[in-house]
Amino acid sequence: MSFPRKVKIVEVGPRDGLQNEPKSVPPAIKIELIHRLVEAGLSAVEATAFVSPKWVPQMADHAEVMAGIKTRPGVAFPVLVPNMQGFEAARAAGATEIAVFGAASETFSRKNINCSIAESLARFAPVVAAAKAKGMRVRGYISCAAGCPYEGEVKPKAVAELAMQLYGMGCYEISLGDTIGVGTPKEIRAMIEATAKSVPIAKLGGHYHDTYGQALANIYASLELGVRTFDSSVAGLGGCPYAKGATGNVASEDVVYMLDGLGIETGVDLEKLFRAGQFICRELGREPASRVARALAAKLGA
């Protein structure tokens, strides 16, 4: 079995992880979490989202969070933007990388961003063009790549078509999201194989939620196909406000532990990552969803 020698982990805890938390998290805590994650060795930390506070109140402090982040060479702090207004706000706040997000399901697209898939692409095109004109990198997200809470099955062809559009538009990487965590390795393989016909495998990333406990298995299946970028969330934080019952992204600690065991380089210090997870979980008043974090807490008496 041939695996990638190195894998990039995109840490989404500060944004995707916190956006669905019922407890409000002060900007200073978010900034501290981001700094701890960078200190753990993560080279890409999704910092915040420039979306309407009416829809995602947890991200209302986006400008303050961006202002407090200490930049570091070689570390990216991508931010989510839904439209040109969000892009302008992100650029004014000092963002150098953005992410646009669509869905492979028409119903989810309307529920999540209030427009059809075609309308979302028309909305993203000027955003991507404006970002590239300013020298900013753009990442593309596809939600419901393995299933939709409203429509059920999502065909791999639908994911592949949307990925091709986003890649052609200028997104340097496409993150394939199993938003509700229903995918199994067989389904994930089919989705990636279909998508890789129009987008190079090196430009694809996996974003798997762990609702049915399949996320690590899905990452393993993706590794077998050559995918070498994965999104994960410290302590397994997260969920989706538009997908009832969806749990958080796969926990970063669990992903790093598995990759370490496979001899795949991540550049992440597992214990420092674990401590960052402890820090945010204490603030939230909850236990980490990460199995590895729980095991380390028992082992280290932490």
C-alpha atoms as a PDB file:
ATOM      1  CA  MET A   1       0.000   0.000   0.000  1.00  0.00           C
ATOM      2  CA  SER A   2       1.407   3.382  -1.019  1.00  0.00           C
ATOM      3  CA  PHE A   3       0.448   6.405   1.078  1.00  0.00           C
ATOM      4  CA  PRO A   4       1.497  10.055   0.714  1.00  0.00           C
ATOM      5  CA  ARG A   5       4.752  10.778   2.553  1.00  0.00           C
ATOM      6  CA  LYS A   6       3.319  13.974   3.989  1.00  0.00           C
ATOM      7  CA  VAL A   7      -0.218  15.209   4.721  1.00  0.00           C
ATOM      8  CA  LYS A   8      -1.439  18.739   5.316  1.00  0.00           C
ATOM      9  CA  ILE A   9      -4.049  19.188   8.030  1.00  0.00           C
ATOM     10  CA  VAL A  10      -6.321  22.204   7.757  1.00  0.00           C
ATOM     11  CA  GLU A  11      -7.478  22.965  11.293  1.00  0.00           C
ATOM     12  CA  VAL A  12     -11.076  24.225  11.187  1.00  0.00           C
ATOM     13  CA  GLY A  13     -11.831  24.294  14.925  1.00  0.00           C
ATOM     14  CA  PRO A  14     -11.808  28.077  15.415  1.00  0.00           C
ATOM     15  CA  ARG A  15     -14.415  28.511  12.675  1.00  0.00           C
ATOM     16  CA  ASP A  16     -16.288  25.318  11.809  1.00  0.00           C
ATOM     17  CA  GLY A  17     -15.775  24.017  15.313  1.00  0.00           C
ATOM     18  CA  LEU A  18     -17.070  27.048  17.183  1.00  0.00           C
ATOM     19  CA  GLN A  19     -19.801  28.330  14.858  1.00  0.00           C
ATOM     20  CA  ASN A  20     -22.367  25.873  16.160  1.00  0.00           C
ATOM     21  CA  GLU A  21     -21.485  26.080  19.852  1.00  0.00           C
ATOM     22  CA  PRO A  22     -24.339  27.417  22.032  1.00  0.00           C
ATOM     23  CA  LYS A  23     -21.934  29.218  24.349  1.00  0.00           C
ATOM     24  CA  SER A  24     -20.471  32.482  23.110  1.00  0.00           C
ATOM     25  CA  VAL A  25     -16.669  32.432  22.983  1.00  0.00           C
ATOM     26  CA  PRO A  26     -14.851  35.757  23.578  1.00  0.00           C
ATOM     27  CA  PRO A  27     -12.524  36.928  20.789  1.00  0.00           C
ATOM     28  CA  ALA A  28      -9.500  36.734  23.114  1.00  0.00           C
ATOM     29  CA  ILE A  29     -10.155  33.025  23.695  1.00  0.00           C
ATOM     30  CA  LYS A  30     -10.492  32.382  19.962  1.00  0.00           C
ATOM     31  CA  ILE A  31      -7.229  34.201  19.302  1.00  0.00           C
ATOM     32  CA  GLU A  32      -5.471  32.233  22.041  1.00  0.00           C
ATOM     33  CA  LEU A  33      -6.806  28.982  20.588  1.00  0.00           C
ATOM     34  CA  ILE A  34      -5.507  29.912  17.133  1.00  0.00           C
ATOM     35  CA  HIS A  35      -2.072  30.748  18.531  1.00  0.00           C
ATOM     36  CA  ARG A  36      -1.942  27.446  20.434  1.00  0.00           C
ATOM     37  CA  LEU A  37      -2.856  25.520  17.290  1.00  0.00           C
ATOM     38  CA  VAL A  38      -0.113  27.259  15.331  1.00  0.00           C
ATOM     39  CA  GLU A  39       2.324  26.509  18.156  1.00  0.00           C
ATOM     40  CA  ALA A  40       1.331  22.837  17.832  1.00  0.00           C
ATOM     41  CA  GLY A  41       2.630  22.904  14.271  1.00  0.00           C
ATOM     42  CA  LEU A  42      -0.485  23.393  12.166  1.00  0.00           C
ATOM     43  CA  SER A  43       0.275  25.331   8.992  1.00  0.00           C
ATOM     44  CA  ALA A  44      -3.335  26.148   8.055  1.00  0.00           C
ATOM     45  CA  VAL A  45      -5.835  27.326  10.669  1.00  0.00           C
ATOM     46  CA  GLU A  46      -9.253  28.481   9.524  1.00  0.00           C
ATOM     47  CA  ALA A  47      -9.644  31.609  11.607  1.00  0.00           C
ATOM     48  CA  THR A  48     -13.199  32.876  11.208  1.00  0.00           C
ATOM     49  CA  ALA A  49     -16.024  33.603   8.770  1.00  0.00           C
ATOM     50  CA  PHE A  50     -17.146  36.913   7.308  1.00  0.00           C
ATOM     51  CA  VAL A  51     -20.813  36.019   7.273  1.00  0.00           C
ATOM     52  CA  SER A  52     -23.879  37.809   8.560  1.00  0.00           C
ATOM     53  CA  PRO A  53     -24.047  37.742  12.383  1.00  0.00           C
ATOM     54  CA  LYS A  54     -27.792  37.311  11.950  1.00  0.00           C
ATOM     55  CA  TRP A  55     -27.203  33.809  10.581  1.00  0.00           C
ATOM     56  CA  VAL A  56     -24.003  32.849  12.425  1.00  0.00           C
ATOM     57  CA  PRO A  57     -23.742  34.982  15.582  1.00  0.00           C
ATOM     58  CA  GLN A  58     -20.639  33.135  16.806  1.00  0.00           C
ATOM     59  CA  MET A  59     -18.643  34.683  13.951  1.00  0.00           C
ATOM     60  CA  ALA A  60     -19.760  38.288  14.546  1.00  0.00           C
ATOM     61  CA  ASP A  61     -16.333  39.155  15.988  1.00  0.00           C
ATOM     62  CA  HIS A  62     -14.454  38.230  12.785  1.00  0.00           C
ATOM     63  CA  ALA A  63     -12.627  41.548  12.370  1.00  0.00           C
ATOM     64  CA  GLU A  64     -11.520  41.585  16.000  1.00  0.00           C
ATOM     65  CA  VAL A  65     -10.230  38.032  15.757  1.00  0.00           C
ATOM     66  CA  MET A  66      -8.257  38.791  12.595  1.00  0.00           C
ATOM     67  CA  ALA A  67      -6.767  41.891  14.190  1.00  0.00           C
ATOM     68  CA  GLY A  68      -5.495  39.854  17.143  1.00  0.00           C
ATOM     69  CA  ILE A  69      -3.797  37.050  15.217  1.00  0.00           C
ATOM     70  CA  LYS A  70      -0.011  37.090  15.159  1.00  0.00           C
ATOM     71  CA  THR A  71       0.970  36.040  11.665  1.00  0.00           C
ATOM     72  CA  ARG A  72       3.789  33.597  11.139  1.00  0.00           C
ATOM     73  CA  PRO A  73       5.707  32.773   7.932  1.00  0.00           C
ATOM     74  CA  GLY A  74       4.382  29.637   6.302  1.00  0.00           C
ATOM     75  CA  VAL A  75       1.092  29.632   8.231  1.00  0.00           C
ATOM     76  CA  ALA A  76      -2.208  30.373   6.466  1.00  0.00           C
ATOM     77  CA  PHE A  77      -5.310  31.734   8.182  1.00  0.00           C
ATOM     78  CA  PRO A  78      -8.118  31.214   5.652  1.00  0.00           C
ATOM     79  CA  VAL A  79     -11.510  32.789   6.315  1.00  0.00           C
ATOM     80  CA  LEU A  80     -14.913  31.879   4.927  1.00  0.00           C
ATOM     81  CA  VAL A  81     -16.733  34.431   2.741  1.00  0.00           C
ATOM     82  CA  PRO A  82     -20.196  33.939   1.199  1.00  0.00           C
ATOM     83  CA  ASN A  83     -20.288  36.878  -1.212  1.00  0.00           C
ATOM     84  CA  MET A  84     -18.582  40.071  -2.370  1.00  0.00           C
ATOM     85  CA  GLN A  85     -19.609  41.957   0.766  1.00  0.00           C
ATOM     86  CA  GLY A  86     -17.951  39.294   2.906  1.00  0.00           C
ATOM     87  CA  PHE A  87     -14.860  39.383   0.698  1.00  0.00           C
ATOM     88  CA  GLU A  88     -14.473  43.150   1.039  1.00  0.00           C
ATOM     89  CA  ALA A  89     -14.847  42.890   4.809  1.00  0.00           C
ATOM     90  CA  ALA A  90     -12.292  40.066   4.959  1.00  0.00           C
ATOM     91  CA  ARG A  91      -9.795  41.990   2.833  1.00  0.00           C
ATOM     92  CA  ALA A  92     -10.233  45.106   4.981  1.00  0.00           C
ATOM     93  CA  ALA A  93      -9.528  42.958   8.046  1.00  0.00           C
ATOM     94  CA  GLY A  94      -6.233  41.774   6.584  1.00  0.00           C
ATOM     95  CA  ALA A  95      -7.169  38.307   5.309  1.00  0.00           C
ATOM     96  CA  THR A  96      -4.786  36.873   2.712  1.00  0.00           C
ATOM     97  CA  GLU A  97      -6.689  33.656   1.974  1.00  0.00           C
ATOM     98  CA  ILE A  98     -10.416  33.085   1.640  1.00  0.00           C
ATOM     99  CA  ALA A  99     -12.725  30.135   1.132  1.00  0.00           C
ATOM    100  CA  VAL A 100     -16.011  30.010  -0.756  1.00  0.00           C
ATOM    101  CA  PHE A 101     -18.550  27.316   0.014  1.00  0.00           C
ATOM    102  CA  GLY A 102     -21.134  25.612  -2.146  1.00  0.00           C
ATOM    103  CA  ALA A 103     -23.184  22.450  -1.864  1.00  0.00           C
ATOM    104  CA  ALA A 104     -23.727  19.418  -4.077  1.00  0.00           C
ATOM    105  CA  SER A 105     -27.391  19.380  -2.996  1.00  0.00           C
ATOM    106  CA  GLU A 106     -29.886  21.963  -4.262  1.00  0.00           C
ATOM    107  CA  THR A 107     -31.980  21.871  -1.096  1.00  0.00           C
ATOM    108  CA  PHE A 108     -28.996  22.220   1.209  1.00  0.00           C
ATOM    109  CA  SER A 109     -27.657  25.088  -0.906  1.00  0.00           C
ATOM    110  CA  ARG A 110     -30.920  26.972  -0.454  1.00  0.00           C
ATOM    111  CA  LYS A 111     -31.047  26.232   3.275  1.00  0.00           C
ATOM    112  CA  ASN A 112     -27.391  27.076   3.879  1.00  0.00           C
ATOM    113  CA  ILE A 113     -26.731  30.081   1.633  1.00  0.00           C
ATOM    114  CA  ASN A 114     -30.229  30.969   0.389  1.00  0.00           C
ATOM    115  CA  CYS A 115     -29.637  30.308  -3.294  1.00  0.00           C
ATOM    116  CA  SER A 116     -29.455  27.521  -5.872  1.00  0.00           C
ATOM    117  CA  ILE A 117     -26.203  25.827  -6.863  1.00  0.00           C
ATOM    118  CA  ALA A 118     -26.109  27.771 -10.136  1.00  0.00           C
ATOM    119  CA  GLU A 119     -26.757  31.039  -8.291  1.00  0.00           C
ATOM    120  CA  SER A 120     -24.015  30.234  -5.791  1.00  0.00           C
ATOM    121  CA  LEU A 121     -21.499  29.749  -8.605  1.00  0.00           C
ATOM    122  CA  ALA A 122     -22.539  33.039 -10.181  1.00  0.00           C
ATOM    123  CA  ARG A 123     -22.062  34.685  -6.792  1.00  0.00           C
ATOM    124  CA  PHE A 124     -18.634  33.136  -6.225  1.00  0.00           C
ATOM    125  CA  ALA A 125     -17.154  33.968  -9.634  1.00  0.00           C
ATOM    126  CA  PRO A 126     -16.587  37.702  -9.017  1.00  0.00           C
ATOM    127  CA  VAL A 127     -15.363  36.972  -5.475  1.00  0.00           C
ATOM    128  CA  VAL A 128     -12.738  34.525  -6.718  1.00  0.00           C
ATOM    129  CA  ALA A 129     -11.718  36.897  -9.515  1.00  0.00           C
ATOM    130  CA  ALA A 130     -11.384  39.834  -7.126  1.00  0.00           C
ATOM    131  CA  ALA A 131      -9.377  37.769  -4.647  1.00  0.00           C
ATOM    132  CA  LYS A 132      -6.981  36.502  -7.298  1.00  0.00           C
ATOM    133  CA  ALA A 133      -6.534  40.053  -8.616  1.00  0.00           C
ATOM    134  CA  LYS A 134      -5.378  41.017  -5.108  1.00  0.00           C
ATOM    135  CA  GLY A 135      -3.007  38.065  -4.892  1.00  0.00           C
ATOM    136  CA  MET A 136      -5.187  36.183  -2.406  1.00  0.00           C
ATOM    137  CA  ARG A 137      -5.542  32.401  -2.467  1.00  0.00           C
ATOM    138  CA  VAL A 138      -9.024  30.917  -2.676  1.00  0.00           C
ATOM    139  CA  ARG A 139     -10.096  27.518  -1.391  1.00  0.00           C
ATOM    140  CA  GLY A 140     -13.410  25.917  -2.379  1.00  0.00           C
ATOM    141  CA  TYR A 141     -15.680  23.891  -0.099  1.00  0.00           C
ATOM    142  CA  ILE A 142     -18.345  21.456  -1.253  1.00  0.00           C
ATOM    143  CA  SER A 143     -20.933  20.514   1.364  1.00  0.00           C
ATOM    144  CA  CYS A 144     -23.024  17.334   1.259  1.00  0.00           C
ATOM    145  CA  ALA A 145     -20.486  15.517  -0.904  1.00  0.00           C
ATOM    146  CA  ALA A 146     -21.580  12.148   0.499  1.00  0.00           C
ATOM    147  CA  GLY A 147     -25.197  12.753   1.459  1.00  0.00           C
ATOM    148  CA  CYS A 148     -27.773  15.441   2.202  1.00  0.00           C
ATOM    149  CA  PRO A 149     -30.036  15.779   5.266  1.00  0.00           C
ATOM    150  CA  TYR A 150     -32.927  16.787   2.974  1.00  0.00           C
ATOM    151  CA  GLU A 151     -32.383  14.850  -0.256  1.00  0.00           C
ATOM    152  CA  GLY A 152     -30.543  11.776   0.996  1.00  0.00           C
ATOM    153  CA  GLU A 153     -28.138  10.306  -1.555  1.00  0.00           C
ATOM    154  CA  VAL A 154     -25.897  12.680  -3.485  1.00  0.00           C
ATOM    155  CA  LYS A 155     -24.504  11.348  -6.755  1.00  0.00           C
ATOM    156  CA  PRO A 156     -20.706  11.463  -7.203  1.00  0.00           C
ATOM    157  CA  LYS A 157     -21.323  13.090 -10.591  1.00  0.00           C
ATOM    158  CA  ALA A 158     -22.957  16.100  -8.895  1.00  0.00           C
ATOM    159  CA  VAL A 159     -19.916  16.545  -6.653  1.00  0.00           C
ATOM    160  CA  ALA A 160     -17.528  16.170  -9.591  1.00  0.00           C
ATOM    161  CA  GLU A 161     -19.377  18.776 -11.661  1.00  0.00           C
ATOM    162  CA  LEU A 162     -19.359  21.339  -8.866  1.00  0.00           C
ATOM    163  CA  ALA A 163     -15.692  20.671  -8.081  1.00  0.00           C
ATOM    164  CA  MET A 164     -14.801  21.170 -11.738  1.00  0.00           C
ATOM    165  CA  GLN A 165     -16.618  24.526 -11.754  1.00  0.00           C
ATOM    166  CA  LEU A 166     -14.875  25.746  -8.600  1.00  0.00           C
ATOM    167  CA  TYR A 167     -11.471  24.568  -9.778  1.00  0.00           C
ATOM    168  CA  GLY A 168     -11.982  26.160 -13.181  1.00  0.00           C
ATOM    169  CA  MET A 169     -13.003  29.373 -11.463  1.00  0.00           C
ATOM    170  CA  GLY A 170      -9.618  29.550  -9.776  1.00  0.00           C
ATOM    171  CA  CYS A 171      -9.862  27.737  -6.424  1.00  0.00           C
ATOM    172  CA  TYR A 172      -6.439  26.237  -5.713  1.00  0.00           C
ATOM    173  CA  GLU A 173      -7.944  23.362  -3.719  1.00  0.00           C
ATOM    174  CA  ILE A 174     -11.379  21.790  -3.334  1.00  0.00           C
ATOM    175  CA  SER A 175     -12.406  20.425   0.061  1.00  0.00           C
ATOM    176  CA  LEU A 176     -14.957  17.621  -0.274  1.00  0.00           C
ATOM    177  CA  GLY A 177     -17.238  17.716   2.742  1.00  0.00           C
ATOM    178  CA  ASP A 178     -19.271  14.876   4.192  1.00  0.00           C
ATOM    179  CA  THR A 179     -21.280  17.453   6.110  1.00  0.00           C
ATOM    180  CA  ILE A 180     -23.570  15.017   7.899  1.00  0.00           C
ATOM    181  CA  GLY A 181     -21.042  12.222   8.316  1.00  0.00           C
ATOM    182  CA  VAL A 182     -23.021   9.509   6.533  1.00  0.00           C
ATOM    183  CA  GLY A 183     -20.356   8.433   4.041  1.00  0.00           C
ATOM    184  CA  THR A 184     -18.582   5.089   4.210  1.00  0.00           C
ATOM    185  CA  PRO A 185     -15.211   4.256   2.604  1.00  0.00           C
ATOM    186  CA  LYS A 186     -16.867   2.734  -0.473  1.00  0.00           C
ATOM    187  CA  GLU A 187     -18.972   5.854  -1.058  1.00  0.00           C
ATOM    188  CA  ILE A 188     -16.072   8.219  -0.359  1.00  0.00           C
ATOM    189  CA  ARG A 189     -13.875   6.334  -2.815  1.00  0.00           C
ATOM    190  CA  ALA A 190     -16.548   6.561  -5.524  1.00  0.00           C
ATOM    191  CA  MET A 191     -16.993  10.279  -4.915  1.00  0.00           C
ATOM    192  CA  ILE A 192     -13.234  10.981  -5.025  1.00  0.00           C
ATOM    193  CA  GLU A 193     -12.674   8.803  -8.105  1.00  0.00           C
ATOM    194  CA  ALA A 194     -15.449  10.634  -9.959  1.00  0.00           C
ATOM    195  CA  THR A 195     -14.129  14.037  -8.924  1.00  0.00           C
ATOM    196  CA  ALA A 196     -10.513  13.216  -9.757  1.00  0.00           C
ATOM    197  CA  LYS A 197     -11.498  12.812 -13.411  1.00  0.00           C
ATOM    198  CA  SER A 198     -11.895  16.580 -13.683  1.00  0.00           C
ATOM    199  CA  VAL A 199      -9.789  17.925 -10.779  1.00  0.00           C
ATOM    200  CA  PRO A 200      -6.258  16.628 -10.035  1.00  0.00           C
ATOM    201  CA  ILE A 201      -6.173  14.427  -6.940  1.00  0.00           C
ATOM    202  CA  ALA A 202      -3.446  16.684  -5.486  1.00  0.00           C
ATOM    203  CA  LYS A 203      -5.969  19.536  -5.521  1.00  0.00           C
ATOM    204  CA  LEU A 204      -8.600  17.660  -3.506  1.00  0.00           C
ATOM    205  CA  GLY A 205      -9.059  17.601   0.258  1.00  0.00           C
ATOM    206  CA  GLY A 206     -11.271  15.567   2.573  1.00  0.00           C
ATOM    207  CA  HIS A 207     -13.586  17.166   5.148  1.00  0.00           C
ATOM    208  CA  TYR A 208     -15.318  14.359   7.007  1.00  0.00           C
ATOM    209  CA  HIS A 209     -17.701  14.647   9.937  1.00  0.00           C
ATOM    210  CA  ASP A 210     -17.814  11.724  12.344  1.00  0.00           C
ATOM    211  CA  THR A 211     -21.567  11.373  12.935  1.00  0.00           C
ATOM    212  CA  TYR A 212     -21.568   7.636  12.211  1.00  0.00           C
ATOM    213  CA  GLY A 213     -17.983   7.018  13.319  1.00  0.00           C
ATOM    214  CA  GLN A 214     -16.689   6.624   9.763  1.00  0.00           C
ATOM    215  CA  ALA A 215     -14.397   9.657   9.464  1.00  0.00           C
ATOM    216  CA  LEU A 216     -11.039   7.963  10.137  1.00  0.00           C
ATOM    217  CA  ALA A 217     -11.949   5.068   7.857  1.00  0.00           C
ATOM    218  CA  ASN A 218     -12.894   7.594   5.180  1.00  0.00           C
ATOM    219  CA  ILE A 219      -9.559   9.377   5.588  1.00  0.00           C
ATOM    220  CA  TYR A 220      -7.757   6.036   5.230  1.00  0.00           C
ATOM    221  CA  ALA A 221      -9.683   5.289   2.040  1.00  0.00           C
ATOM    222  CA  SER A 222      -8.845   8.762   0.728  1.00  0.00           C
ATOM    223  CA  LEU A 223      -5.145   8.268   1.518  1.00  0.00           C
ATOM    224  CA  GLU A 224      -5.185   5.084  -0.550  1.00  0.00           C
ATOM    225  CA  LEU A 225      -6.314   7.177  -3.533  1.00  0.00           C
ATOM    226  CA  GLY A 226      -3.597   9.788  -2.998  1.00  0.00           C
ATOM    227  CA  VAL A 227      -5.501  12.562  -1.201  1.00  0.00           C
ATOM    228  CA  ARG A 228      -3.051  14.416   1.028  1.00  0.00           C
ATOM    229  CA  THR A 229      -5.041  17.269   2.566  1.00  0.00           C
ATOM    230  CA  PHE A 230      -7.626  16.801   5.310  1.00  0.00           C
ATOM    231  CA  ASP A 231      -9.716  19.181   7.377  1.00  0.00           C
ATOM    232  CA  SER A 232     -10.162  18.393  11.057  1.00  0.00           C
ATOM    233  CA  SER A 233     -11.271  20.125  14.220  1.00  0.00           C
ATOM    234  CA  VAL A 234      -9.417  20.181  17.529  1.00  0.00           C
ATOM    235  CA  ALA A 235     -11.248  18.141  20.189  1.00  0.00           C
ATOM    236  CA  GLY A 236     -13.805  17.174  17.528  1.00  0.00           C
ATOM    237  CA  LEU A 237     -15.660  20.467  17.936  1.00  0.00           C
ATOM    238  CA  GLY A 238     -18.378  21.444  15.525  1.00  0.00           C
ATOM    239  CA  GLY A 239     -21.517  20.442  13.744  1.00  0.00           C
ATOM    240  CA  CYS A 240     -23.695  22.180  11.205  1.00  0.00           C
ATOM    241  CA  PRO A 241     -26.605  24.519  12.006  1.00  0.00           C
ATOM    242  CA  TYR A 242     -28.383  23.353   8.844  1.00  0.00           C
ATOM    243  CA  ALA A 243     -27.870  19.610   9.320  1.00  0.00           C
ATOM    244  CA  LYS A 244     -29.767  18.300  12.340  1.00  0.00           C
ATOM    245  CA  GLY A 245     -27.874  15.597  14.221  1.00  0.00           C
ATOM    246  CA  ALA A 246     -24.555  16.156  12.456  1.00  0.00           C
ATOM    247  CA  THR A 247     -21.673  15.964  14.890  1.00  0.00           C
ATOM    248  CA  GLY A 248     -18.340  17.682  14.649  1.00  0.00           C
ATOM    249  CA  ASN A 249     -15.561  17.221  12.176  1.00  0.00           C
ATOM    250  CA  VAL A 250     -13.210  14.363  12.809  1.00  0.00           C
ATOM    251  CA  ALA A 251     -10.996  15.299  15.764  1.00  0.00           C
ATOM    252  CA  SER A 252      -7.563  16.627  14.855  1.00  0.00           C
ATOM    253  CA  GLU A 253      -5.964  14.607  17.669  1.00  0.00           C
ATOM    254  CA  ASP A 254      -7.402  11.365  16.272  1.00  0.00           C
ATOM    255  CA  VAL A 255      -6.237  12.179  12.745  1.00  0.00           C
ATOM    256  CA  VAL A 256      -2.692  13.045  13.854  1.00  0.00           C
ATOM    257  CA  TYR A 257      -2.456   9.881  15.977  1.00  0.00           C
ATOM    258  CA  MET A 258      -3.497   7.710  13.026  1.00  0.00           C
ATOM    259  CA  LEU A 259      -1.176   9.457  10.575  1.00  0.00           C
ATOM    260  CA  ASP A 260       1.722   9.223  13.043  1.00  0.00           C
ATOM    261  CA  GLY A 261       1.046   5.498  13.296  1.00  0.00           C
ATOM    262  CA  LEU A 262       1.127   5.183   9.505  1.00  0.00           C
ATOM    263  CA  GLY A 263       4.471   6.976   9.352  1.00  0.00           C
ATOM    264  CA  ILE A 264       2.957   9.945   7.515  1.00  0.00           C
ATOM    265  CA  GLU A 265       4.447  13.327   8.320  1.00  0.00           C
ATOM    266  CA  THR A 266       2.111  16.111   9.506  1.00  0.00           C
ATOM    267  CA  GLY A 267       4.451  18.485  11.328  1.00  0.00           C
ATOM    268  CA  VAL A 268       2.012  18.512  14.267  1.00  0.00           C
ATOM    269  CA  ASP A 269       3.031  17.935  17.887  1.00  0.00           C
ATOM    270  CA  LEU A 270       0.284  15.695  19.267  1.00  0.00           C
ATOM    271  CA  GLU A 271       0.706  16.690  22.909  1.00  0.00           C
ATOM    272  CA  LYS A 272       0.593  20.428  22.131  1.00  0.00           C
ATOM    273  CA  LEU A 273      -2.491  19.810  20.010  1.00  0.00           C
ATOM    274  CA  PHE A 274      -4.063  17.907  22.885  1.00  0.00           C
ATOM    275  CA  ARG A 275      -3.328  20.830  25.248  1.00  0.00           C
ATOM    276  CA  ALA A 276      -4.956  23.258  22.804  1.00  0.00           C
ATOM    277  CA  GLY A 277      -8.034  21.053  22.808  1.00  0.00           C
ATOM    278  CA  GLN A 278      -8.079  20.987  26.611  1.00  0.00           C
ATOM    279  CA  PHE A 279      -7.867  24.774  26.646  1.00  0.00           C
ATOM    280  CA  ILE A 280     -10.943  25.340  24.449  1.00  0.00           C
ATOM    281  CA  CYS A 281     -12.948  22.531  26.067  1.00  0.00           C
ATOM    282  CA  ARG A 282     -12.429  24.092  29.511  1.00  0.00           C
ATOM    283  CA  GLU A 283     -13.752  27.366  28.118  1.00  0.00           C
ATOM    284  CA  LEU A 284     -16.781  25.617  26.625  1.00  0.00           C
ATOM    285  CA  GLY A 285     -17.413  23.510  29.719  1.00  0.00           C
ATOM    286  CA  ARG A 286     -17.415  20.238  27.832  1.00  0.00           C
ATOM    287  CA  GLU A 287     -15.393  17.100  27.277  1.00  0.00           C
ATOM    288  CA  PRO A 288     -13.476  16.634  24.012  1.00  0.00           C
ATOM    289  CA  ALA A 289     -15.077  14.367  21.433  1.00  0.00           C
ATOM    290  CA  SER A 290     -11.621  13.077  20.545  1.00  0.00           C
ATOM    291  CA  ARG A 291     -10.914   9.498  21.652  1.00  0.00           C
ATOM    292  CA  VAL A 292      -7.174  10.211  21.587  1.00  0.00           C
ATOM    293  CA  ALA A 293      -7.610  13.309  23.755  1.00  0.00           C
ATOM    294  CA  ARG A 294      -9.487  11.281  26.337  1.00  0.00           C
ATOM    295  CA  ALA A 295      -6.833   8.565  26.312  1.00  0.00           C
ATOM    296  CA  LEU A 296      -4.038  11.108  26.697  1.00  0.00           C
ATOM    297  CA  ALA A 297      -5.861  12.840  29.548  1.00  0.00           C
ATOM    298  CA  ALA A 298      -6.000   9.535  31.421  1.00  0.00           C
ATOM    299  CA  LYS A 299      -2.404   8.666  30.572  1.00  0.00           C
ATOM    300  CA  LEU A 300      -0.971  12.066  31.500  1.00  0.00           C
ATOM    301  CA  GLY A 301      -3.300  12.663  34.441  1.00  0.00           C
ATOM    302  CA  ALA A 302      -4.363  15.893  32.759  1.00  0.00           C
END
